[in-house]
Amino acid sequence: RFTPAAELPDAPTPLPPWPPAGAAQADALAALVSRHPADLDALARTFGLAAPDALRPLVQRLAAAGTVGVRWQENRLHVLPPPPPAPAAVPLILGSVSPRRQRLFREAGLRFEILPVDTEELHDSADPVGTVVHNARAKHAACRARRPDGVLVTADTLVWFEGQLIGKPADRAEAVRFLRGFSGRTQTVFTAVAFSRPGDAEPALRIEASRVHFRRLDEATITAYLDRTSTLDRAGAYDIDEHGEQLIAGYDGSYTNIVGMPMESVLDWLRHHAPECLNG
């Protein structure tokens, strides 16, 4: 452990500037320990000093300036090369303008930048997993071309119901038809998430599937729900996070996946591949 100068025992405070003649000694000491770390006694002998404490003020000043490192070991003060500079912060970038995904990132305590992305999306009802993988990768490539410097996360989510991909309703009438069809049935929500660090050749992918079980819905329930909730911008014309208890009897799998981003997968990937992004 490197010990800040303020923690060294018997450190005289305040310390006056050393004389101009000490500058050459300071340079010589820093150059010496960069090649041969040593304890204070050995350094004092090297510099022809009878008492090691005579060198202590100089070591303290160099440590405070970051020119050398210091460490206590076996009751001796060891002078070391300076610690390496802290790595530059790598920004976490969310390639999505979805308010729900942004809220999930904020609730997880993540600091992130938002990067809007506009790509042509694939819709293949015969292959829901291939669809979300293709779309997440396409979004990732578009974002990475614009921001090569950050840890990047993109995602694509779809609702798959009885062999069909369910998108956003065009209007309220279609929203009613969607919810009427979901009544008493189960659908699957798929999300693919693409991750990469700067310089990665290809993004890593995580795929999540959750099942949503709907209550039996009568016309009054559907009307009341749509009156209370704006859902035209949401796949399937519902939001489990907004009055979802009116429609949904239960679910299997990740709740946040149903909202739009499986945060369990996001946090796990960051923990293993970009832990600096978890420090807030």
C-alpha atoms as a PDB file:
ATOM      1  CA  ARG A   1       0.000   0.000   0.000  1.00  0.00           C
ATOM      2  CA  PHE A   2       1.337   3.431  -0.898  1.00  0.00           C
ATOM      3  CA  THR A   3       1.220   5.739   2.118  1.00  0.00           C
ATOM      4  CA  PRO A   4       0.370   9.395   1.457  1.00  0.00           C
ATOM      5  CA  ALA A   5       2.949  11.759   2.844  1.00  0.00           C
ATOM      6  CA  ALA A   6       0.425  13.096   5.356  1.00  0.00           C
ATOM      7  CA  GLU A   7       0.283   9.646   6.980  1.00  0.00           C
ATOM      8  CA  LEU A   8       4.036   9.303   7.535  1.00  0.00           C
ATOM      9  CA  PRO A   9       4.910   9.340  11.273  1.00  0.00           C
ATOM     10  CA  ASP A  10       6.543  12.406  12.728  1.00  0.00           C
ATOM     11  CA  ALA A  11       5.980  14.387   9.553  1.00  0.00           C
ATOM     12  CA  PRO A  12       6.822  18.017  10.380  1.00  0.00           C
ATOM     13  CA  THR A  13       4.104  20.389   9.242  1.00  0.00           C
ATOM     14  CA  PRO A  14       4.297  22.787   7.629  1.00  0.00           C
ATOM     15  CA  LEU A  15       7.442  21.918   5.712  1.00  0.00           C
ATOM     16  CA  PRO A  16       9.427  24.850   4.298  1.00  0.00           C
ATOM     17  CA  PRO A  17      10.701  24.675   0.719  1.00  0.00           C
ATOM     18  CA  TRP A  18      14.012  22.892   0.503  1.00  0.00           C
ATOM     19  CA  PRO A  19      16.998  25.014  -0.528  1.00  0.00           C
ATOM     20  CA  PRO A  20      17.759  25.387  -4.238  1.00  0.00           C
ATOM     21  CA  ALA A  21      20.774  23.124  -3.792  1.00  0.00           C
ATOM     22  CA  GLY A  22      18.386  20.299  -2.881  1.00  0.00           C
ATOM     23  CA  ALA A  23      16.846  20.206  -6.374  1.00  0.00           C
ATOM     24  CA  ALA A  24      19.749  18.213  -7.767  1.00  0.00           C
ATOM     25  CA  GLN A  25      19.528  15.850  -4.813  1.00  0.00           C
ATOM     26  CA  ALA A  26      15.800  15.433  -5.416  1.00  0.00           C
ATOM     27  CA  ASP A  27      16.343  14.578  -9.069  1.00  0.00           C
ATOM     28  CA  ALA A  28      19.090  12.130  -8.164  1.00  0.00           C
ATOM     29  CA  LEU A  29      16.928  10.421  -5.531  1.00  0.00           C
ATOM     30  CA  ALA A  30      13.934  10.104  -7.896  1.00  0.00           C
ATOM     31  CA  ALA A  31      16.156   8.699 -10.648  1.00  0.00           C
ATOM     32  CA  LEU A  32      17.757   6.236  -8.244  1.00  0.00           C
ATOM     33  CA  VAL A  33      14.536   4.766  -6.836  1.00  0.00           C
ATOM     34  CA  SER A  34      13.012   4.510 -10.317  1.00  0.00           C
ATOM     35  CA  ARG A  35      15.714   1.875 -10.972  1.00  0.00           C
ATOM     36  CA  HIS A  36      16.414   0.540  -7.471  1.00  0.00           C
ATOM     37  CA  PRO A  37      13.715   0.977  -4.797  1.00  0.00           C
ATOM     38  CA  ALA A  38      15.325   1.112  -1.362  1.00  0.00           C
ATOM     39  CA  ASP A  39      14.592   1.829   2.278  1.00  0.00           C
ATOM     40  CA  LEU A  40      15.439   5.172   3.832  1.00  0.00           C
ATOM     41  CA  ASP A  41      18.566   3.880   5.601  1.00  0.00           C
ATOM     42  CA  ALA A  42      20.089   2.594   2.372  1.00  0.00           C
ATOM     43  CA  LEU A  43      19.287   5.828   0.557  1.00  0.00           C
ATOM     44  CA  ALA A  44      20.868   7.887   3.319  1.00  0.00           C
ATOM     45  CA  ARG A  45      24.070   5.873   3.039  1.00  0.00           C
ATOM     46  CA  THR A  46      24.050   6.303  -0.739  1.00  0.00           C
ATOM     47  CA  PHE A  47      23.817  10.072  -0.323  1.00  0.00           C
ATOM     48  CA  GLY A  48      26.478  10.125   2.382  1.00  0.00           C
ATOM     49  CA  LEU A  49      24.129  11.143   5.184  1.00  0.00           C
ATOM     50  CA  ALA A  50      24.835   9.946   8.707  1.00  0.00           C
ATOM     51  CA  ALA A  51      21.195  10.107   9.825  1.00  0.00           C
ATOM     52  CA  PRO A  52      18.355   8.699   7.658  1.00  0.00           C
ATOM     53  CA  ASP A  53      15.969  11.271   9.128  1.00  0.00           C
ATOM     54  CA  ALA A  54      17.922  13.974   7.331  1.00  0.00           C
ATOM     55  CA  LEU A  55      16.501  12.599   4.069  1.00  0.00           C
ATOM     56  CA  ARG A  56      12.939  12.223   5.322  1.00  0.00           C
ATOM     57  CA  PRO A  57      11.690  15.782   4.517  1.00  0.00           C
ATOM     58  CA  LEU A  58      12.880  15.437   0.926  1.00  0.00           C
ATOM     59  CA  VAL A  59      11.168  12.047   0.541  1.00  0.00           C
ATOM     60  CA  GLN A  60       7.958  13.484   1.985  1.00  0.00           C
ATOM     61  CA  ARG A  61       7.940  16.335  -0.504  1.00  0.00           C
ATOM     62  CA  LEU A  62       8.646  14.045  -3.445  1.00  0.00           C
ATOM     63  CA  ALA A  63       5.890  11.664  -2.331  1.00  0.00           C
ATOM     64  CA  ALA A  64       3.419  14.545  -1.985  1.00  0.00           C
ATOM     65  CA  ALA A  65       4.291  15.632  -5.524  1.00  0.00           C
ATOM     66  CA  GLY A  66       3.817  12.087  -6.848  1.00  0.00           C
ATOM     67  CA  THR A  67       7.464  11.861  -7.917  1.00  0.00           C
ATOM     68  CA  VAL A  68       8.121   8.817  -5.728  1.00  0.00           C
ATOM     69  CA  GLY A  69       5.996   6.333  -3.842  1.00  0.00           C
ATOM     70  CA  VAL A  70       6.454   5.356  -0.216  1.00  0.00           C
ATOM     71  CA  ARG A  71       5.494   2.315   1.808  1.00  0.00           C
ATOM     72  CA  TRP A  72       6.014   1.156   5.397  1.00  0.00           C
ATOM     73  CA  GLN A  73       7.280  -2.398   5.608  1.00  0.00           C
ATOM     74  CA  GLU A  74       8.914  -4.146   8.574  1.00  0.00           C
ATOM     75  CA  ASN A  75       9.159  -0.838  10.444  1.00  0.00           C
ATOM     76  CA  ARG A  76      11.165   0.755   7.658  1.00  0.00           C
ATOM     77  CA  LEU A  77      10.219   3.461   5.214  1.00  0.00           C
ATOM     78  CA  HIS A  78      10.752   2.207   1.663  1.00  0.00           C
ATOM     79  CA  VAL A  79      10.981   4.634  -1.239  1.00  0.00           C
ATOM     80  CA  LEU A  80       9.600   3.319  -4.522  1.00  0.00           C
ATOM     81  CA  PRO A  81       8.946   4.440  -8.084  1.00  0.00           C
ATOM     82  CA  PRO A  82       5.813   6.582  -8.329  1.00  0.00           C
ATOM     83  CA  PRO A  83       2.513   4.726  -8.702  1.00  0.00           C
ATOM     84  CA  PRO A  84       1.240   4.490 -12.277  1.00  0.00           C
ATOM     85  CA  PRO A  85      -1.245   7.187 -13.271  1.00  0.00           C
ATOM     86  CA  ALA A  86      -4.894   6.288 -12.901  1.00  0.00           C
ATOM     87  CA  PRO A  87      -6.382   5.129 -16.204  1.00  0.00           C
ATOM     88  CA  ALA A  88      -8.492   7.664 -18.017  1.00  0.00           C
ATOM     89  CA  ALA A  89     -12.181   7.268 -17.324  1.00  0.00           C
ATOM     90  CA  VAL A  90     -14.030   5.419 -20.066  1.00  0.00           C
ATOM     91  CA  PRO A  91     -17.589   6.696 -20.523  1.00  0.00           C
ATOM     92  CA  LEU A  92     -20.540   4.320 -20.411  1.00  0.00           C
ATOM     93  CA  ILE A  93     -22.773   4.951 -23.422  1.00  0.00           C
ATOM     94  CA  LEU A  94     -26.363   3.757 -23.788  1.00  0.00           C
ATOM     95  CA  GLY A  95     -27.318   3.599 -27.444  1.00  0.00           C
ATOM     96  CA  SER A  96     -31.024   4.211 -26.911  1.00  0.00           C
ATOM     97  CA  VAL A  97     -33.456   7.075 -26.476  1.00  0.00           C
ATOM     98  CA  SER A  98     -35.955   4.854 -24.627  1.00  0.00           C
ATOM     99  CA  PRO A  99     -37.044   6.610 -21.404  1.00  0.00           C
ATOM    100  CA  ARG A 100     -37.610   3.211 -19.782  1.00  0.00           C
ATOM    101  CA  ARG A 101     -34.087   1.962 -20.518  1.00  0.00           C
ATOM    102  CA  GLN A 102     -32.617   5.236 -19.314  1.00  0.00           C
ATOM    103  CA  ARG A 103     -34.640   4.995 -16.096  1.00  0.00           C
ATOM    104  CA  LEU A 104     -33.435   1.435 -15.482  1.00  0.00           C
ATOM    105  CA  PHE A 105     -29.811   2.568 -15.896  1.00  0.00           C
ATOM    106  CA  ARG A 106     -30.365   5.454 -13.480  1.00  0.00           C
ATOM    107  CA  GLU A 107     -32.075   3.215 -10.927  1.00  0.00           C
ATOM    108  CA  ALA A 108     -29.057   0.883 -11.082  1.00  0.00           C
ATOM    109  CA  GLY A 109     -26.834   3.799 -10.076  1.00  0.00           C
ATOM    110  CA  LEU A 110     -25.041   4.005 -13.432  1.00  0.00           C
ATOM    111  CA  ARG A 111     -23.615   7.203 -14.864  1.00  0.00           C
ATOM    112  CA  PHE A 112     -23.986   7.138 -18.614  1.00  0.00           C
ATOM    113  CA  GLU A 113     -24.301   9.131 -21.789  1.00  0.00           C
ATOM    114  CA  ILE A 114     -27.206   8.778 -24.203  1.00  0.00           C
ATOM    115  CA  LEU A 115     -26.548   8.220 -27.891  1.00  0.00           C
ATOM    116  CA  PRO A 116     -29.580   8.238 -30.210  1.00  0.00           C
ATOM    117  CA  VAL A 117     -29.492   5.533 -32.838  1.00  0.00           C
ATOM    118  CA  ASP A 118     -31.503   5.182 -36.028  1.00  0.00           C
ATOM    119  CA  THR A 119     -31.128   1.964 -38.015  1.00  0.00           C
ATOM    120  CA  GLU A 120     -33.351  -0.082 -40.277  1.00  0.00           C
ATOM    121  CA  GLU A 121     -34.702  -2.958 -38.183  1.00  0.00           C
ATOM    122  CA  LEU A 122     -35.403  -6.529 -39.193  1.00  0.00           C
ATOM    123  CA  HIS A 123     -38.795  -8.096 -38.356  1.00  0.00           C
ATOM    124  CA  ASP A 124     -38.945 -11.858 -38.898  1.00  0.00           C
ATOM    125  CA  SER A 125     -41.792 -13.574 -37.063  1.00  0.00           C
ATOM    126  CA  ALA A 126     -40.281 -16.974 -37.816  1.00  0.00           C
ATOM    127  CA  ASP A 127     -37.085 -16.115 -35.905  1.00  0.00           C
ATOM    128  CA  PRO A 128     -37.640 -13.795 -32.923  1.00  0.00           C
ATOM    129  CA  VAL A 129     -34.205 -14.475 -31.414  1.00  0.00           C
ATOM    130  CA  GLY A 130     -32.434 -13.849 -34.716  1.00  0.00           C
ATOM    131  CA  THR A 131     -34.445 -10.659 -35.101  1.00  0.00           C
ATOM    132  CA  VAL A 132     -33.412  -9.097 -31.782  1.00  0.00           C
ATOM    133  CA  VAL A 133     -29.798 -10.215 -32.252  1.00  0.00           C
ATOM    134  CA  HIS A 134     -29.644  -8.665 -35.727  1.00  0.00           C
ATOM    135  CA  ASN A 135     -31.205  -5.402 -34.553  1.00  0.00           C
ATOM    136  CA  ALA A 136     -29.053  -5.085 -31.418  1.00  0.00           C
ATOM    137  CA  ARG A 137     -25.893  -5.672 -33.465  1.00  0.00           C
ATOM    138  CA  ALA A 138     -26.985  -3.176 -36.149  1.00  0.00           C
ATOM    139  CA  LYS A 139     -27.625  -0.513 -33.503  1.00  0.00           C
ATOM    140  CA  HIS A 140     -24.273  -1.310 -31.928  1.00  0.00           C
ATOM    141  CA  ALA A 141     -22.364  -0.920 -35.186  1.00  0.00           C
ATOM    142  CA  ALA A 142     -24.050   2.415 -35.898  1.00  0.00           C
ATOM    143  CA  CYS A 143     -23.264   3.726 -32.406  1.00  0.00           C
ATOM    144  CA  ARG A 144     -19.688   2.422 -32.393  1.00  0.00           C
ATOM    145  CA  ALA A 145     -18.953   4.215 -35.658  1.00  0.00           C
ATOM    146  CA  ARG A 146     -19.911   7.491 -33.961  1.00  0.00           C
ATOM    147  CA  ARG A 147     -18.401   6.793 -30.527  1.00  0.00           C
ATOM    148  CA  PRO A 148     -15.278   4.604 -30.617  1.00  0.00           C
ATOM    149  CA  ASP A 149     -14.203   5.829 -27.180  1.00  0.00           C
ATOM    150  CA  GLY A 150     -16.709   4.378 -24.717  1.00  0.00           C
ATOM    151  CA  VAL A 151     -18.139   1.236 -23.185  1.00  0.00           C
ATOM    152  CA  LEU A 152     -21.201   0.796 -25.375  1.00  0.00           C
ATOM    153  CA  VAL A 153     -24.523  -0.909 -24.651  1.00  0.00           C
ATOM    154  CA  THR A 154     -27.327  -1.320 -27.193  1.00  0.00           C
ATOM    155  CA  ALA A 155     -30.442  -3.485 -27.109  1.00  0.00           C
ATOM    156  CA  ASP A 156     -33.481  -4.600 -29.034  1.00  0.00           C
ATOM    157  CA  THR A 157     -36.709  -5.892 -27.474  1.00  0.00           C
ATOM    158  CA  LEU A 158     -39.747  -7.484 -29.082  1.00  0.00           C
ATOM    159  CA  VAL A 159     -42.969  -9.169 -28.059  1.00  0.00           C
ATOM    160  CA  TRP A 160     -43.645 -12.573 -29.626  1.00  0.00           C
ATOM    161  CA  PHE A 161     -47.213 -13.798 -29.420  1.00  0.00           C
ATOM    162  CA  GLU A 162     -48.620 -16.907 -31.065  1.00  0.00           C
ATOM    163  CA  GLY A 163     -46.007 -16.905 -33.816  1.00  0.00           C
ATOM    164  CA  GLN A 164     -46.207 -13.181 -34.540  1.00  0.00           C
ATOM    165  CA  LEU A 165     -44.005 -10.233 -33.667  1.00  0.00           C
ATOM    166  CA  ILE A 166     -46.020  -7.546 -31.931  1.00  0.00           C
ATOM    167  CA  GLY A 167     -44.809  -4.012 -32.439  1.00  0.00           C
ATOM    168  CA  LYS A 168     -46.120  -0.648 -31.335  1.00  0.00           C
ATOM    169  CA  PRO A 169     -49.789   0.037 -32.059  1.00  0.00           C
ATOM    170  CA  ALA A 170     -50.500   2.485 -34.842  1.00  0.00           C
ATOM    171  CA  ASP A 171     -53.408   4.012 -32.924  1.00  0.00           C
ATOM    172  CA  ARG A 172     -55.773   3.381 -30.023  1.00  0.00           C
ATOM    173  CA  ALA A 173     -57.967   1.056 -32.065  1.00  0.00           C
ATOM    174  CA  GLU A 174     -54.995  -1.226 -32.722  1.00  0.00           C
ATOM    175  CA  ALA A 175     -53.996  -1.029 -29.052  1.00  0.00           C
ATOM    176  CA  VAL A 176     -57.470  -2.303 -28.151  1.00  0.00           C
ATOM    177  CA  ARG A 177     -57.122  -5.175 -30.635  1.00  0.00           C
ATOM    178  CA  PHE A 178     -53.733  -6.110 -29.193  1.00  0.00           C
ATOM    179  CA  LEU A 179     -54.958  -6.234 -25.598  1.00  0.00           C
ATOM    180  CA  ARG A 180     -58.136  -8.051 -26.565  1.00  0.00           C
ATOM    181  CA  GLY A 181     -56.015 -10.732 -28.218  1.00  0.00           C
ATOM    182  CA  PHE A 182     -53.720 -11.061 -25.160  1.00  0.00           C
ATOM    183  CA  SER A 183     -56.629 -11.724 -22.792  1.00  0.00           C
ATOM    184  CA  GLY A 184     -56.046 -14.889 -20.755  1.00  0.00           C
ATOM    185  CA  ARG A 185     -52.969 -15.830 -22.788  1.00  0.00           C
ATOM    186  CA  THR A 186     -49.188 -15.814 -22.490  1.00  0.00           C
ATOM    187  CA  GLN A 187     -46.613 -14.009 -24.599  1.00  0.00           C
ATOM    188  CA  THR A 188     -42.813 -13.957 -24.646  1.00  0.00           C
ATOM    189  CA  VAL A 189     -40.618 -10.855 -24.453  1.00  0.00           C
ATOM    190  CA  PHE A 190     -37.183 -11.264 -26.066  1.00  0.00           C
ATOM    191  CA  THR A 191     -34.279  -8.829 -25.646  1.00  0.00           C
ATOM    192  CA  ALA A 192     -30.779  -9.013 -27.105  1.00  0.00           C
ATOM    193  CA  VAL A 193     -28.153  -6.758 -25.540  1.00  0.00           C
ATOM    194  CA  ALA A 194     -24.854  -5.974 -27.284  1.00  0.00           C
ATOM    195  CA  PHE A 195     -21.813  -4.818 -25.288  1.00  0.00           C
ATOM    196  CA  SER A 196     -18.303  -3.741 -26.194  1.00  0.00           C
ATOM    197  CA  ARG A 197     -15.272  -1.888 -24.895  1.00  0.00           C
ATOM    198  CA  PRO A 198     -13.231   0.422 -27.127  1.00  0.00           C
ATOM    199  CA  GLY A 199     -11.170  -1.645 -29.538  1.00  0.00           C
ATOM    200  CA  ASP A 200     -13.267  -4.824 -29.312  1.00  0.00           C
ATOM    201  CA  ALA A 201     -13.544  -6.489 -32.700  1.00  0.00           C
ATOM    202  CA  GLU A 202     -17.122  -7.667 -32.105  1.00  0.00           C
ATOM    203  CA  PRO A 203     -19.721  -6.947 -29.439  1.00  0.00           C
ATOM    204  CA  ALA A 204     -20.581  -9.531 -26.811  1.00  0.00           C
ATOM    205  CA  LEU A 205     -24.236 -10.579 -26.820  1.00  0.00           C
ATOM    206  CA  ARG A 206     -26.650 -11.547 -24.066  1.00  0.00           C
ATOM    207  CA  ILE A 207     -30.181 -12.760 -24.856  1.00  0.00           C
ATOM    208  CA  GLU A 208     -33.030 -12.790 -22.359  1.00  0.00           C
ATOM    209  CA  ALA A 209     -36.550 -14.238 -22.640  1.00  0.00           C
ATOM    210  CA  SER A 210     -39.405 -13.581 -20.193  1.00  0.00           C
ATOM    211  CA  ARG A 211     -42.976 -14.893 -20.286  1.00  0.00           C
ATOM    212  CA  VAL A 212     -45.912 -12.618 -19.471  1.00  0.00           C
ATOM    213  CA  HIS A 213     -49.258 -14.125 -18.369  1.00  0.00           C
ATOM    214  CA  PHE A 214     -52.299 -11.919 -18.967  1.00  0.00           C
ATOM    215  CA  ARG A 215     -55.501 -11.786 -16.977  1.00  0.00           C
ATOM    216  CA  ARG A 216     -58.810 -12.256 -18.722  1.00  0.00           C
ATOM    217  CA  LEU A 217     -59.560  -8.757 -19.958  1.00  0.00           C
ATOM    218  CA  ASP A 218     -63.013  -7.399 -20.630  1.00  0.00           C
ATOM    219  CA  GLU A 219     -63.723  -4.283 -22.667  1.00  0.00           C
ATOM    220  CA  ALA A 220     -64.145  -2.120 -19.571  1.00  0.00           C
ATOM    221  CA  THR A 221     -60.724  -3.130 -18.235  1.00  0.00           C
ATOM    222  CA  ILE A 222     -59.042  -2.477 -21.565  1.00  0.00           C
ATOM    223  CA  THR A 223     -60.718   0.918 -21.916  1.00  0.00           C
ATOM    224  CA  ALA A 224     -59.841   1.916 -18.347  1.00  0.00           C
ATOM    225  CA  TYR A 225     -56.212   0.878 -18.837  1.00  0.00           C
ATOM    226  CA  LEU A 226     -55.754   2.812 -22.069  1.00  0.00           C
ATOM    227  CA  ASP A 227     -57.451   5.849 -20.519  1.00  0.00           C
ATOM    228  CA  ARG A 228     -54.881   5.812 -17.707  1.00  0.00           C
ATOM    229  CA  THR A 229     -51.767   4.817 -19.662  1.00  0.00           C
ATOM    230  CA  SER A 230     -50.106   6.163 -22.785  1.00  0.00           C
ATOM    231  CA  THR A 231     -48.975   3.045 -24.656  1.00  0.00           C
ATOM    232  CA  LEU A 232     -48.751   3.975 -28.328  1.00  0.00           C
ATOM    233  CA  ASP A 233     -44.943   4.067 -28.074  1.00  0.00           C
ATOM    234  CA  ARG A 234     -44.707   0.616 -26.452  1.00  0.00           C
ATOM    235  CA  ALA A 235     -44.573  -2.782 -28.084  1.00  0.00           C
ATOM    236  CA  GLY A 236     -47.763  -4.674 -27.382  1.00  0.00           C
ATOM    237  CA  ALA A 237     -49.607  -1.523 -26.240  1.00  0.00           C
ATOM    238  CA  TYR A 238     -48.861  -2.033 -22.548  1.00  0.00           C
ATOM    239  CA  ASP A 239     -46.249  -1.252 -19.920  1.00  0.00           C
ATOM    240  CA  ILE A 240     -45.815  -3.705 -17.053  1.00  0.00           C
ATOM    241  CA  ASP A 241     -44.325  -0.859 -15.019  1.00  0.00           C
ATOM    242  CA  GLU A 242     -47.331   1.439 -15.410  1.00  0.00           C
ATOM    243  CA  HIS A 243     -50.606   0.035 -14.033  1.00  0.00           C
ATOM    244  CA  GLY A 244     -49.494  -3.363 -15.283  1.00  0.00           C
ATOM    245  CA  GLU A 245     -51.330  -5.091 -12.449  1.00  0.00           C
ATOM    246  CA  GLN A 246     -54.608  -4.302 -14.254  1.00  0.00           C
ATOM    247  CA  LEU A 247     -53.592  -6.518 -17.173  1.00  0.00           C
ATOM    248  CA  ILE A 248     -50.969  -8.993 -15.999  1.00  0.00           C
ATOM    249  CA  ALA A 249     -51.514 -12.010 -13.767  1.00  0.00           C
ATOM    250  CA  GLY A 250     -47.827 -12.910 -13.489  1.00  0.00           C
ATOM    251  CA  TYR A 251     -44.539 -13.378 -15.308  1.00  0.00           C
ATOM    252  CA  ASP A 252     -41.558 -15.727 -15.520  1.00  0.00           C
ATOM    253  CA  GLY A 253     -37.998 -14.487 -15.884  1.00  0.00           C
ATOM    254  CA  SER A 254     -36.519 -11.011 -15.702  1.00  0.00           C
ATOM    255  CA  TYR A 255     -38.912  -8.204 -14.818  1.00  0.00           C
ATOM    256  CA  THR A 256     -36.575  -5.542 -16.207  1.00  0.00           C
ATOM    257  CA  ASN A 257     -36.402  -7.461 -19.478  1.00  0.00           C
ATOM    258  CA  ILE A 258     -40.147  -6.982 -19.835  1.00  0.00           C
ATOM    259  CA  VAL A 259     -39.655  -3.258 -19.172  1.00  0.00           C
ATOM    260  CA  GLY A 260     -37.050  -3.149 -21.952  1.00  0.00           C
ATOM    261  CA  MET A 261     -33.550  -3.941 -20.625  1.00  0.00           C
ATOM    262  CA  PRO A 262     -32.495  -7.045 -18.625  1.00  0.00           C
ATOM    263  CA  MET A 263     -30.451  -5.242 -15.979  1.00  0.00           C
ATOM    264  CA  GLU A 264     -29.228  -8.508 -14.442  1.00  0.00           C
ATOM    265  CA  SER A 265     -27.354  -9.222 -17.684  1.00  0.00           C
ATOM    266  CA  VAL A 266     -26.148  -5.626 -18.020  1.00  0.00           C
ATOM    267  CA  LEU A 267     -24.714  -5.457 -14.498  1.00  0.00           C
ATOM    268  CA  ASP A 268     -23.144  -8.900 -14.794  1.00  0.00           C
ATOM    269  CA  TRP A 269     -21.331  -7.972 -18.010  1.00  0.00           C
ATOM    270  CA  LEU A 270     -20.153  -4.654 -16.592  1.00  0.00           C
ATOM    271  CA  ARG A 271     -18.948  -6.365 -13.410  1.00  0.00           C
ATOM    272  CA  HIS A 272     -16.738  -8.728 -15.402  1.00  0.00           C
ATOM    273  CA  HIS A 273     -15.670  -6.539 -18.332  1.00  0.00           C
ATOM    274  CA  ALA A 274     -16.019  -2.859 -17.358  1.00  0.00           C
ATOM    275  CA  PRO A 275     -16.041  -2.635 -13.545  1.00  0.00           C
ATOM    276  CA  GLU A 276     -14.979   1.009 -13.650  1.00  0.00           C
ATOM    277  CA  CYS A 277     -18.448   1.822 -15.005  1.00  0.00           C
ATOM    278  CA  LEU A 278     -20.025   0.534 -11.784  1.00  0.00           C
ATOM    279  CA  ASN A 279     -18.310   3.112  -9.583  1.00  0.00           C
ATOM    280  CA  GLY A 280     -20.848   5.794 -10.286  1.00  0.00           C
END
